[in-house]
mmCIF file of all heavy atoms, coordinates in Angstrom:
data_MODEL
# 
_entry.id   MODEL 
# 
loop_
_atom_site.group_PDB 
_atom_site.id 
_atom_site.type_symbol 
_atom_site.label_atom_id 
_atom_site.label_alt_id 
_atom_site.label_comp_id 
_atom_site.label_asym_id 
_atom_site.label_entity_id 
_atom_site.label_seq_id 
_atom_site.pdbx_PDB_ins_code 
_atom_site.Cartn_x 
_atom_site.Cartn_y 
_atom_site.Cartn_z 
_atom_site.occupancy 
_atom_site.B_iso_or_equiv 
_atom_site.pdbx_formal_charge 
_atom_site.auth_seq_id 
_atom_site.auth_comp_id 
_atom_site.auth_asym_id 
_atom_site.auth_atom_id 
_atom_site.pdbx_PDB_model_num 
ATOM 1   N N   . ILE A 1 1  ? -139.381 58.412 -98.701 1.00 0.00 ? 1  ILE A N   1 
ATOM 2   C CA  . ILE A 1 1  ? -139.835 58.859 -97.352 1.00 0.00 ? 1  ILE A CA  1 
ATOM 3   C C   . ILE A 1 1  ? -139.300 57.981 -96.278 1.00 0.00 ? 1  ILE A C   1 
ATOM 4   O O   . ILE A 1 1  ? -138.887 58.445 -95.205 1.00 0.00 ? 1  ILE A O   1 
ATOM 5   C CB  . ILE A 1 1  ? -141.337 59.014 -97.343 1.00 0.00 ? 1  ILE A CB  1 
ATOM 6   C CG1 . ILE A 1 1  ? -141.823 60.213 -98.270 1.00 0.00 ? 1  ILE A CG1 1 
ATOM 7   C CG2 . ILE A 1 1  ? -141.881 59.276 -95.935 1.00 0.00 ? 1  ILE A CG2 1 
ATOM 8   C CD1 . ILE A 1 1  ? -143.316 60.196 -98.463 1.00 0.00 ? 1  ILE A CD1 1 
ATOM 9   N N   . ALA A 1 2  ? -139.318 56.641 -96.538 1.00 0.00 ? 2  ALA A N   1 
ATOM 10  C CA  . ALA A 1 2  ? -138.804 55.738 -95.531 1.00 0.00 ? 2  ALA A CA  1 
ATOM 11  C C   . ALA A 1 2  ? -137.374 55.924 -95.254 1.00 0.00 ? 2  ALA A C   1 
ATOM 12  O O   . ALA A 1 2  ? -136.958 55.912 -94.057 1.00 0.00 ? 2  ALA A O   1 
ATOM 13  C CB  . ALA A 1 2  ? -139.054 54.277 -95.973 1.00 0.00 ? 2  ALA A CB  1 
ATOM 14  N N   . ALA A 1 3  ? -136.572 56.187 -96.320 1.00 0.00 ? 3  ALA A N   1 
ATOM 15  C CA  . ALA A 1 3  ? -135.140 56.451 -96.152 1.00 0.00 ? 3  ALA A CA  1 
ATOM 16  C C   . ALA A 1 3  ? -134.938 57.723 -95.397 1.00 0.00 ? 3  ALA A C   1 
ATOM 17  O O   . ALA A 1 3  ? -134.100 57.813 -94.489 1.00 0.00 ? 3  ALA A O   1 
ATOM 18  C CB  . ALA A 1 3  ? -134.455 56.521 -97.562 1.00 0.00 ? 3  ALA A CB  1 
ATOM 19  N N   . LYS A 1 4  ? -135.726 58.767 -95.738 1.00 0.00 ? 4  LYS A N   1 
ATOM 20  C CA  . LYS A 1 4  ? -135.629 60.031 -95.010 1.00 0.00 ? 4  LYS A CA  1 
ATOM 21  C C   . LYS A 1 4  ? -136.007 59.868 -93.537 1.00 0.00 ? 4  LYS A C   1 
ATOM 22  O O   . LYS A 1 4  ? -135.411 60.508 -92.648 1.00 0.00 ? 4  LYS A O   1 
ATOM 23  C CB  . LYS A 1 4  ? -136.450 61.077 -95.678 1.00 0.00 ? 4  LYS A CB  1 
ATOM 24  C CG  . LYS A 1 4  ? -135.874 61.591 -97.003 1.00 0.00 ? 4  LYS A CG  1 
ATOM 25  C CD  . LYS A 1 4  ? -136.742 62.665 -97.612 1.00 0.00 ? 4  LYS A CD  1 
ATOM 26  C CE  . LYS A 1 4  ? -136.129 63.203 -98.897 1.00 0.00 ? 4  LYS A CE  1 
ATOM 27  N NZ  . LYS A 1 4  ? -136.915 64.270 -99.538 1.00 0.00 ? 4  LYS A NZ  1 
ATOM 28  N N   . GLU A 1 5  ? -137.009 59.073 -93.280 1.00 0.00 ? 5  GLU A N   1 
ATOM 29  C CA  . GLU A 1 5  ? -137.488 58.854 -91.928 1.00 0.00 ? 5  GLU A CA  1 
ATOM 30  C C   . GLU A 1 5  ? -136.374 58.192 -91.056 1.00 0.00 ? 5  GLU A C   1 
ATOM 31  O O   . GLU A 1 5  ? -136.146 58.504 -89.900 1.00 0.00 ? 5  GLU A O   1 
ATOM 32  C CB  . GLU A 1 5  ? -138.750 58.024 -91.860 1.00 0.00 ? 5  GLU A CB  1 
ATOM 33  C CG  . GLU A 1 5  ? -139.969 58.769 -92.252 1.00 0.00 ? 5  GLU A CG  1 
ATOM 34  C CD  . GLU A 1 5  ? -141.223 57.925 -92.270 1.00 0.00 ? 5  GLU A CD  1 
ATOM 35  O OE1 . GLU A 1 5  ? -141.092 56.684 -92.087 1.00 0.00 ? 5  GLU A OE1 1 
ATOM 36  O OE2 . GLU A 1 5  ? -142.353 58.432 -92.430 1.00 0.00 ? 5  GLU A OE2 1 
ATOM 37  N N   . ALA A 1 6  ? -135.665 57.222 -91.708 1.00 0.00 ? 6  ALA A N   1 
ATOM 38  C CA  . ALA A 1 6  ? -134.581 56.537 -90.964 1.00 0.00 ? 6  ALA A CA  1 
ATOM 39  C C   . ALA A 1 6  ? -133.455 57.579 -90.635 1.00 0.00 ? 6  ALA A C   1 
ATOM 40  O O   . ALA A 1 6  ? -132.928 57.564 -89.521 1.00 0.00 ? 6  ALA A O   1 
ATOM 41  C CB  . ALA A 1 6  ? -133.978 55.426 -91.847 1.00 0.00 ? 6  ALA A CB  1 
ATOM 42  N N   . TYR A 1 7  ? -133.204 58.454 -91.603 1.00 0.00 ? 7  TYR A N   1 
ATOM 43  C CA  . TYR A 1 7  ? -132.212 59.440 -91.418 1.00 0.00 ? 7  TYR A CA  1 
ATOM 44  C C   . TYR A 1 7  ? -132.592 60.431 -90.315 1.00 0.00 ? 7  TYR A C   1 
ATOM 45  O O   . TYR A 1 7  ? -131.831 60.778 -89.462 1.00 0.00 ? 7  TYR A O   1 
ATOM 46  C CB  . TYR A 1 7  ? -131.876 60.181 -92.740 1.00 0.00 ? 7  TYR A CB  1 
ATOM 47  C CG  . TYR A 1 7  ? -130.952 61.343 -92.575 1.00 0.00 ? 7  TYR A CG  1 
ATOM 48  C CD1 . TYR A 1 7  ? -129.559 61.139 -92.450 1.00 0.00 ? 7  TYR A CD1 1 
ATOM 49  C CD2 . TYR A 1 7  ? -131.419 62.648 -92.615 1.00 0.00 ? 7  TYR A CD2 1 
ATOM 50  C CE1 . TYR A 1 7  ? -128.721 62.239 -92.322 1.00 0.00 ? 7  TYR A CE1 1 
ATOM 51  C CE2 . TYR A 1 7  ? -130.551 63.708 -92.431 1.00 0.00 ? 7  TYR A CE2 1 
ATOM 52  C CZ  . TYR A 1 7  ? -129.243 63.501 -92.333 1.00 0.00 ? 7  TYR A CZ  1 
ATOM 53  O OH  . TYR A 1 7  ? -128.376 64.593 -92.185 1.00 0.00 ? 7  TYR A OH  1 
ATOM 54  N N   . LEU A 1 8  ? -133.875 60.782 -90.403 1.00 0.00 ? 8  LEU A N   1 
ATOM 55  C CA  . LEU A 1 8  ? -134.398 61.705 -89.369 1.00 0.00 ? 8  LEU A CA  1 
ATOM 56  C C   . LEU A 1 8  ? -134.412 61.075 -88.029 1.00 0.00 ? 8  LEU A C   1 
ATOM 57  O O   . LEU A 1 8  ? -134.175 61.771 -86.987 1.00 0.00 ? 8  LEU A O   1 
ATOM 58  C CB  . LEU A 1 8  ? -135.869 62.110 -89.789 1.00 0.00 ? 8  LEU A CB  1 
ATOM 59  C CG  . LEU A 1 8  ? -135.963 63.042 -90.965 1.00 0.00 ? 8  LEU A CG  1 
ATOM 60  C CD1 . LEU A 1 8  ? -137.424 63.217 -91.341 1.00 0.00 ? 8  LEU A CD1 1 
ATOM 61  C CD2 . LEU A 1 8  ? -135.366 64.411 -90.675 1.00 0.00 ? 8  LEU A CD2 1 
ATOM 62  N N   . LYS A 1 9  ? -134.643 59.731 -87.942 1.00 0.00 ? 9  LYS A N   1 
ATOM 63  C CA  . LYS A 1 9  ? -134.633 59.081 -86.623 1.00 0.00 ? 9  LYS A CA  1 
ATOM 64  C C   . LYS A 1 9  ? -133.223 59.128 -86.023 1.00 0.00 ? 9  LYS A C   1 
ATOM 65  O O   . LYS A 1 9  ? -133.129 59.443 -84.831 1.00 0.00 ? 9  LYS A O   1 
ATOM 66  C CB  . LYS A 1 9  ? -135.127 57.600 -86.834 1.00 0.00 ? 9  LYS A CB  1 
ATOM 67  C CG  . LYS A 1 9  ? -135.259 56.771 -85.551 1.00 0.00 ? 9  LYS A CG  1 
ATOM 68  C CD  . LYS A 1 9  ? -136.396 57.326 -84.760 1.00 0.00 ? 9  LYS A CD  1 
ATOM 69  C CE  . LYS A 1 9  ? -136.717 56.395 -83.591 1.00 0.00 ? 9  LYS A CE  1 
ATOM 70  N NZ  . LYS A 1 9  ? -135.629 56.402 -82.611 1.00 0.00 ? 9  LYS A NZ  1 
ATOM 71  N N   . LYS A 1 10 ? -132.226 58.879 -86.864 1.00 0.00 ? 10 LYS A N   1 
ATOM 72  C CA  . LYS A 1 10 ? -130.870 58.919 -86.406 1.00 0.00 ? 10 LYS A CA  1 
ATOM 73  C C   . LYS A 1 10 ? -130.561 60.346 -85.925 1.00 0.00 ? 10 LYS A C   1 
ATOM 74  O O   . LYS A 1 10 ? -129.895 60.561 -84.898 1.00 0.00 ? 10 LYS A O   1 
ATOM 75  C CB  . LYS A 1 10 ? -129.927 58.492 -87.547 1.00 0.00 ? 10 LYS A CB  1 
ATOM 76  C CG  . LYS A 1 10 ? -128.429 58.548 -87.191 1.00 0.00 ? 10 LYS A CG  1 
ATOM 77  C CD  . LYS A 1 10 ? -127.632 58.021 -88.331 1.00 0.00 ? 10 LYS A CD  1 
ATOM 78  C CE  . LYS A 1 10 ? -126.112 58.111 -88.008 1.00 0.00 ? 10 LYS A CE  1 
ATOM 79  N NZ  . LYS A 1 10 ? -125.283 57.759 -89.168 1.00 0.00 ? 10 LYS A NZ  1 
ATOM 80  N N   . TYR A 1 11 ? -130.970 61.338 -86.692 1.00 0.00 ? 11 TYR A N   1 
ATOM 81  C CA  . TYR A 1 11 ? -130.673 62.718 -86.355 1.00 0.00 ? 11 TYR A CA  1 
ATOM 82  C C   . TYR A 1 11 ? -131.388 63.164 -85.124 1.00 0.00 ? 11 TYR A C   1 
ATOM 83  O O   . TYR A 1 11 ? -130.887 63.873 -84.282 1.00 0.00 ? 11 TYR A O   1 
ATOM 84  C CB  . TYR A 1 11 ? -131.136 63.628 -87.583 1.00 0.00 ? 11 TYR A CB  1 
ATOM 85  C CG  . TYR A 1 11 ? -130.571 65.022 -87.478 1.00 0.00 ? 11 TYR A CG  1 
ATOM 86  C CD1 . TYR A 1 11 ? -129.202 65.312 -87.712 1.00 0.00 ? 11 TYR A CD1 1 
ATOM 87  C CD2 . TYR A 1 11 ? -131.448 66.058 -87.164 1.00 0.00 ? 11 TYR A CD2 1 
ATOM 88  C CE1 . TYR A 1 11 ? -128.744 66.578 -87.590 1.00 0.00 ? 11 TYR A CE1 1 
ATOM 89  C CE2 . TYR A 1 11 ? -130.980 67.384 -87.089 1.00 0.00 ? 11 TYR A CE2 1 
ATOM 90  C CZ  . TYR A 1 11 ? -129.589 67.610 -87.275 1.00 0.00 ? 11 TYR A CZ  1 
ATOM 91  O OH  . TYR A 1 11 ? -129.157 68.923 -87.179 1.00 0.00 ? 11 TYR A OH  1 
ATOM 92  N N   . GLU A 1 12 ? -132.639 62.611 -84.951 1.00 0.00 ? 12 GLU A N   1 
ATOM 93  C CA  . GLU A 1 12 ? -133.393 62.937 -83.725 1.00 0.00 ? 12 GLU A CA  1 
ATOM 94  C C   . GLU A 1 12 ? -132.776 62.348 -82.492 1.00 0.00 ? 12 GLU A C   1 
ATOM 95  O O   . GLU A 1 12 ? -132.709 62.968 -81.436 1.00 0.00 ? 12 GLU A O   1 
ATOM 96  C CB  . GLU A 1 12 ? -134.801 62.384 -83.868 1.00 0.00 ? 12 GLU A CB  1 
ATOM 97  C CG  . GLU A 1 12 ? -135.693 63.216 -84.790 1.00 0.00 ? 12 GLU A CG  1 
ATOM 98  C CD  . GLU A 1 12 ? -137.062 62.613 -84.966 1.00 0.00 ? 12 GLU A CD  1 
ATOM 99  O OE1 . GLU A 1 12 ? -137.300 61.471 -84.448 1.00 0.00 ? 12 GLU A OE1 1 
ATOM 100 O OE2 . GLU A 1 12 ? -137.924 63.225 -85.658 1.00 0.00 ? 12 GLU A OE2 1 
ATOM 101 N N   . ASP A 1 13 ? -132.167 61.137 -82.644 1.00 0.00 ? 13 ASP A N   1 
ATOM 102 C CA  . ASP A 1 13 ? -131.452 60.538 -81.516 1.00 0.00 ? 13 ASP A CA  1 
ATOM 103 C C   . ASP A 1 13 ? -130.274 61.403 -81.102 1.00 0.00 ? 13 ASP A C   1 
ATOM 104 O O   . ASP A 1 13 ? -130.023 61.616 -79.914 1.00 0.00 ? 13 ASP A O   1 
ATOM 105 C CB  . ASP A 1 13 ? -131.008 59.123 -81.812 1.00 0.00 ? 13 ASP A CB  1 
ATOM 106 C CG  . ASP A 1 13 ? -132.226 58.190 -82.022 1.00 0.00 ? 13 ASP A CG  1 
ATOM 107 O OD1 . ASP A 1 13 ? -133.286 58.509 -81.491 1.00 0.00 ? 13 ASP A OD1 1 
ATOM 108 O OD2 . ASP A 1 13 ? -132.075 57.113 -82.681 1.00 0.00 ? 13 ASP A OD2 1 
ATOM 109 N N   . MET A 1 14 ? -129.563 61.839 -82.124 1.00 0.00 ? 14 MET A N   1 
ATOM 110 C CA  . MET A 1 14 ? -128.360 62.704 -81.820 1.00 0.00 ? 14 MET A CA  1 
ATOM 111 C C   . MET A 1 14 ? -128.818 63.998 -81.187 1.00 0.00 ? 14 MET A C   1 
ATOM 112 O O   . MET A 1 14 ? -128.216 64.485 -80.215 1.00 0.00 ? 14 MET A O   1 
ATOM 113 C CB  . MET A 1 14 ? -127.643 62.986 -83.114 1.00 0.00 ? 14 MET A CB  1 
ATOM 114 C CG  . MET A 1 14 ? -126.368 63.823 -83.002 1.00 0.00 ? 14 MET A CG  1 
ATOM 115 S SD  . MET A 1 14 ? -125.526 64.042 -84.534 1.00 0.00 ? 14 MET A SD  1 
ATOM 116 C CE  . MET A 1 14 ? -126.693 65.077 -85.384 1.00 0.00 ? 14 MET A CE  1 
ATOM 117 N N   . LEU A 1 15 ? -129.942 64.613 -81.673 1.00 0.00 ? 15 LEU A N   1 
ATOM 118 C CA  . LEU A 1 15 ? -130.456 65.826 -81.072 1.00 0.00 ? 15 LEU A CA  1 
ATOM 119 C C   . LEU A 1 15 ? -130.924 65.549 -79.643 1.00 0.00 ? 15 LEU A C   1 
ATOM 120 O O   . LEU A 1 15 ? -130.745 66.466 -78.733 1.00 0.00 ? 15 LEU A O   1 
ATOM 121 C CB  . LEU A 1 15 ? -131.630 66.395 -81.897 1.00 0.00 ? 15 LEU A CB  1 
ATOM 122 C CG  . LEU A 1 15 ? -131.254 67.005 -83.268 1.00 0.00 ? 15 LEU A CG  1 
ATOM 123 C CD1 . LEU A 1 15 ? -132.510 67.402 -84.005 1.00 0.00 ? 15 LEU A CD1 1 
ATOM 124 C CD2 . LEU A 1 15 ? -130.373 68.224 -83.061 1.00 0.00 ? 15 LEU A CD2 1 
ATOM 125 N N   . ALA A 1 16 ? -131.521 64.390 -79.359 1.00 0.00 ? 16 ALA A N   1 
ATOM 126 C CA  . ALA A 1 16 ? -131.946 64.172 -78.004 1.00 0.00 ? 16 ALA A CA  1 
ATOM 127 C C   . ALA A 1 16 ? -130.812 64.019 -77.058 1.00 0.00 ? 16 ALA A C   1 
ATOM 128 O O   . ALA A 1 16 ? -130.864 64.526 -75.907 1.00 0.00 ? 16 ALA A O   1 
ATOM 129 C CB  . ALA A 1 16 ? -132.793 62.794 -77.994 1.00 0.00 ? 16 ALA A CB  1 
ATOM 130 N N   . LYS A 1 17 ? -129.689 63.393 -77.523 1.00 0.00 ? 17 LYS A N   1 
ATOM 131 C CA  . LYS A 1 17 ? -128.484 63.305 -76.707 1.00 0.00 ? 17 LYS A CA  1 
ATOM 132 C C   . LYS A 1 17 ? -127.997 64.671 -76.336 1.00 0.00 ? 17 LYS A C   1 
ATOM 133 O O   . LYS A 1 17 ? -127.595 65.027 -75.224 1.00 0.00 ? 17 LYS A O   1 
ATOM 134 C CB  . LYS A 1 17 ? -127.460 62.471 -77.438 1.00 0.00 ? 17 LYS A CB  1 
ATOM 135 C CG  . LYS A 1 17 ? -126.157 62.274 -76.636 1.00 0.00 ? 17 LYS A CG  1 
ATOM 136 C CD  . LYS A 1 17 ? -125.207 61.400 -77.420 1.00 0.00 ? 17 LYS A CD  1 
ATOM 137 C CE  . LYS A 1 17 ? -123.833 61.188 -76.596 1.00 0.00 ? 17 LYS A CE  1 
ATOM 138 N NZ  . LYS A 1 17 ? -122.939 60.376 -77.382 1.00 0.00 ? 17 LYS A NZ  1 
ATOM 139 N N   . LYS A 1 18 ? -127.838 65.557 -77.426 1.00 0.00 ? 18 LYS A N   1 
ATOM 140 C CA  . LYS A 1 18 ? -127.363 66.914 -77.215 1.00 0.00 ? 18 LYS A CA  1 
ATOM 141 C C   . LYS A 1 18 ? -128.277 67.664 -76.284 1.00 0.00 ? 18 LYS A C   1 
ATOM 142 O O   . LYS A 1 18 ? -127.881 68.488 -75.455 1.00 0.00 ? 18 LYS A O   1 
ATOM 143 C CB  . LYS A 1 18 ? -127.261 67.591 -78.548 1.00 0.00 ? 18 LYS A CB  1 
ATOM 144 C CG  . LYS A 1 18 ? -126.078 67.123 -79.388 1.00 0.00 ? 18 LYS A CG  1 
ATOM 145 C CD  . LYS A 1 18 ? -125.980 67.942 -80.658 1.00 0.00 ? 18 LYS A CD  1 
ATOM 146 C CE  . LYS A 1 18 ? -124.769 67.454 -81.502 1.00 0.00 ? 18 LYS A CE  1 
ATOM 147 N NZ  . LYS A 1 18 ? -124.643 68.242 -82.757 1.00 0.00 ? 18 LYS A NZ  1 
ATOM 148 N N   . LYS A 1 19 ? -129.614 67.393 -76.409 1.00 0.00 ? 19 LYS A N   1 
ATOM 149 C CA  . LYS A 1 19 ? -130.585 68.101 -75.562 1.00 0.00 ? 19 LYS A CA  1 
ATOM 150 C C   . LYS A 1 19 ? -130.367 67.757 -74.119 1.00 0.00 ? 19 LYS A C   1 
ATOM 151 O O   . LYS A 1 19 ? -130.460 68.610 -73.214 1.00 0.00 ? 19 LYS A O   1 
ATOM 152 C CB  . LYS A 1 19 ? -131.982 67.713 -76.038 1.00 0.00 ? 19 LYS A CB  1 
ATOM 153 C CG  . LYS A 1 19 ? -133.080 68.517 -75.340 1.00 0.00 ? 19 LYS A CG  1 
ATOM 154 C CD  . LYS A 1 19 ? -134.419 68.155 -75.893 1.00 0.00 ? 19 LYS A CD  1 
ATOM 155 C CE  . LYS A 1 19 ? -135.543 68.928 -75.192 1.00 0.00 ? 19 LYS A CE  1 
ATOM 156 N NZ  . LYS A 1 19 ? -136.842 68.567 -75.729 1.00 0.00 ? 19 LYS A NZ  1 
ATOM 157 N N   . ARG A 1 20 ? -130.115 66.360 -73.841 1.00 0.00 ? 20 ARG A N   1 
ATOM 158 C CA  . ARG A 1 20 ? -129.900 65.950 -72.494 1.00 0.00 ? 20 ARG A CA  1 
ATOM 159 C C   . ARG A 1 20 ? -128.663 66.634 -71.910 1.00 0.00 ? 20 ARG A C   1 
ATOM 160 O O   . ARG A 1 20 ? -128.673 67.105 -70.716 1.00 0.00 ? 20 ARG A O   1 
ATOM 161 C CB  . ARG A 1 20 ? -129.728 64.447 -72.375 1.00 0.00 ? 20 ARG A CB  1 
ATOM 162 C CG  . ARG A 1 20 ? -131.004 63.637 -72.548 1.00 0.00 ? 20 ARG A CG  1 
ATOM 163 C CD  . ARG A 1 20 ? -130.834 62.196 -72.113 1.00 0.00 ? 20 ARG A CD  1 
ATOM 164 N NE  . ARG A 1 20 ? -129.806 61.539 -72.917 1.00 0.00 ? 20 ARG A NE  1 
ATOM 165 C CZ  . ARG A 1 20 ? -130.061 60.971 -74.080 1.00 0.00 ? 20 ARG A CZ  1 
ATOM 166 N NH1 . ARG A 1 20 ? -131.274 60.886 -74.608 1.00 0.00 ? 20 ARG A NH1 1 
ATOM 167 N NH2 . ARG A 1 20 ? -129.069 60.343 -74.747 1.00 0.00 ? 20 ARG A NH2 1 
ATOM 168 N N   . GLU A 1 21 ? -127.581 66.680 -72.699 1.00 0.00 ? 21 GLU A N   1 
ATOM 169 C CA  . GLU A 1 21 ? -126.369 67.319 -72.232 1.00 0.00 ? 21 GLU A CA  1 
ATOM 170 C C   . GLU A 1 21 ? -126.657 68.823 -71.914 1.00 0.00 ? 21 GLU A C   1 
ATOM 171 O O   . GLU A 1 21 ? -126.203 69.355 -70.936 1.00 0.00 ? 21 GLU A O   1 
ATOM 172 C CB  . GLU A 1 21 ? -125.284 67.210 -73.272 1.00 0.00 ? 21 GLU A CB  1 
ATOM 173 C CG  . GLU A 1 21 ? -124.795 65.777 -73.446 1.00 0.00 ? 21 GLU A CG  1 
ATOM 174 C CD  . GLU A 1 21 ? -123.781 65.672 -74.635 1.00 0.00 ? 21 GLU A CD  1 
ATOM 175 O OE1 . GLU A 1 21 ? -123.568 66.694 -75.323 1.00 0.00 ? 21 GLU A OE1 1 
ATOM 176 O OE2 . GLU A 1 21 ? -123.236 64.542 -74.844 1.00 0.00 ? 21 GLU A OE2 1 
ATOM 177 N N   . LYS A 1 22 ? -127.353 69.500 -72.860 1.00 0.00 ? 22 LYS A N   1 
ATOM 178 C CA  . LYS A 1 22 ? -127.658 70.901 -72.584 1.00 0.00 ? 22 LYS A CA  1 
ATOM 179 C C   . LYS A 1 22 ? -128.542 71.100 -71.398 1.00 0.00 ? 22 LYS A C   1 
ATOM 180 O O   . LYS A 1 22 ? -128.371 72.052 -70.649 1.00 0.00 ? 22 LYS A O   1 
ATOM 181 C CB  . LYS A 1 22 ? -128.341 71.517 -73.870 1.00 0.00 ? 22 LYS A CB  1 
ATOM 182 C CG  . LYS A 1 22 ? -127.397 71.647 -75.044 1.00 0.00 ? 22 LYS A CG  1 
ATOM 183 C CD  . LYS A 1 22 ? -128.103 72.340 -76.189 1.00 0.00 ? 22 LYS A CD  1 
ATOM 184 C CE  . LYS A 1 22 ? -127.081 72.518 -77.382 1.00 0.00 ? 22 LYS A CE  1 
ATOM 185 N NZ  . LYS A 1 22 ? -127.741 73.133 -78.492 1.00 0.00 ? 22 LYS A NZ  1 
ATOM 186 N N   . ASN A 1 23 ? -129.512 70.166 -71.173 1.00 0.00 ? 23 ASN A N   1 
ATOM 187 C CA  . ASN A 1 23 ? -130.391 70.219 -70.038 1.00 0.00 ? 23 ASN A CA  1 
ATOM 188 C C   . ASN A 1 23 ? -129.566 70.157 -68.731 1.00 0.00 ? 23 ASN A C   1 
ATOM 189 O O   . ASN A 1 23 ? -129.863 70.848 -67.762 1.00 0.00 ? 23 ASN A O   1 
ATOM 190 C CB  . ASN A 1 23 ? -131.477 69.204 -70.080 1.00 0.00 ? 23 ASN A CB  1 
ATOM 191 C CG  . ASN A 1 23 ? -132.516 69.537 -71.118 1.00 0.00 ? 23 ASN A CG  1 
ATOM 192 O OD1 . ASN A 1 23 ? -132.730 70.694 -71.491 1.00 0.00 ? 23 ASN A OD1 1 
ATOM 193 N ND2 . ASN A 1 23 ? -133.198 68.493 -71.634 1.00 0.00 ? 23 ASN A ND2 1 
ATOM 194 N N   . GLU A 1 24 ? -128.591 69.155 -68.721 1.00 0.00 ? 24 GLU A N   1 
ATOM 195 C CA  . GLU A 1 24 ? -127.779 69.023 -67.506 1.00 0.00 ? 24 GLU A CA  1 
ATOM 196 C C   . GLU A 1 24 ? -126.979 70.259 -67.258 1.00 0.00 ? 24 GLU A C   1 
ATOM 197 O O   . GLU A 1 24 ? -126.853 70.768 -66.126 1.00 0.00 ? 24 GLU A O   1 
ATOM 198 C CB  . GLU A 1 24 ? -126.866 67.830 -67.708 1.00 0.00 ? 24 GLU A CB  1 
ATOM 199 C CG  . GLU A 1 24 ? -127.567 66.514 -67.689 1.00 0.00 ? 24 GLU A CG  1 
ATOM 200 C CD  . GLU A 1 24 ? -126.610 65.343 -67.999 1.00 0.00 ? 24 GLU A CD  1 
ATOM 201 O OE1 . GLU A 1 24 ? -125.382 65.633 -68.278 1.00 0.00 ? 24 GLU A OE1 1 
ATOM 202 O OE2 . GLU A 1 24 ? -127.063 64.165 -67.999 1.00 0.00 ? 24 GLU A OE2 1 
# 
C-alpha cells in the first residue's frame, strides 16, 4: 500500500499540473 501510495502521489501531482493547465 505504501508503494502504491507513492505511485499515486506522483500520479496526483501530474494530474494537478494537467488540471492547472486545463483550468487556465
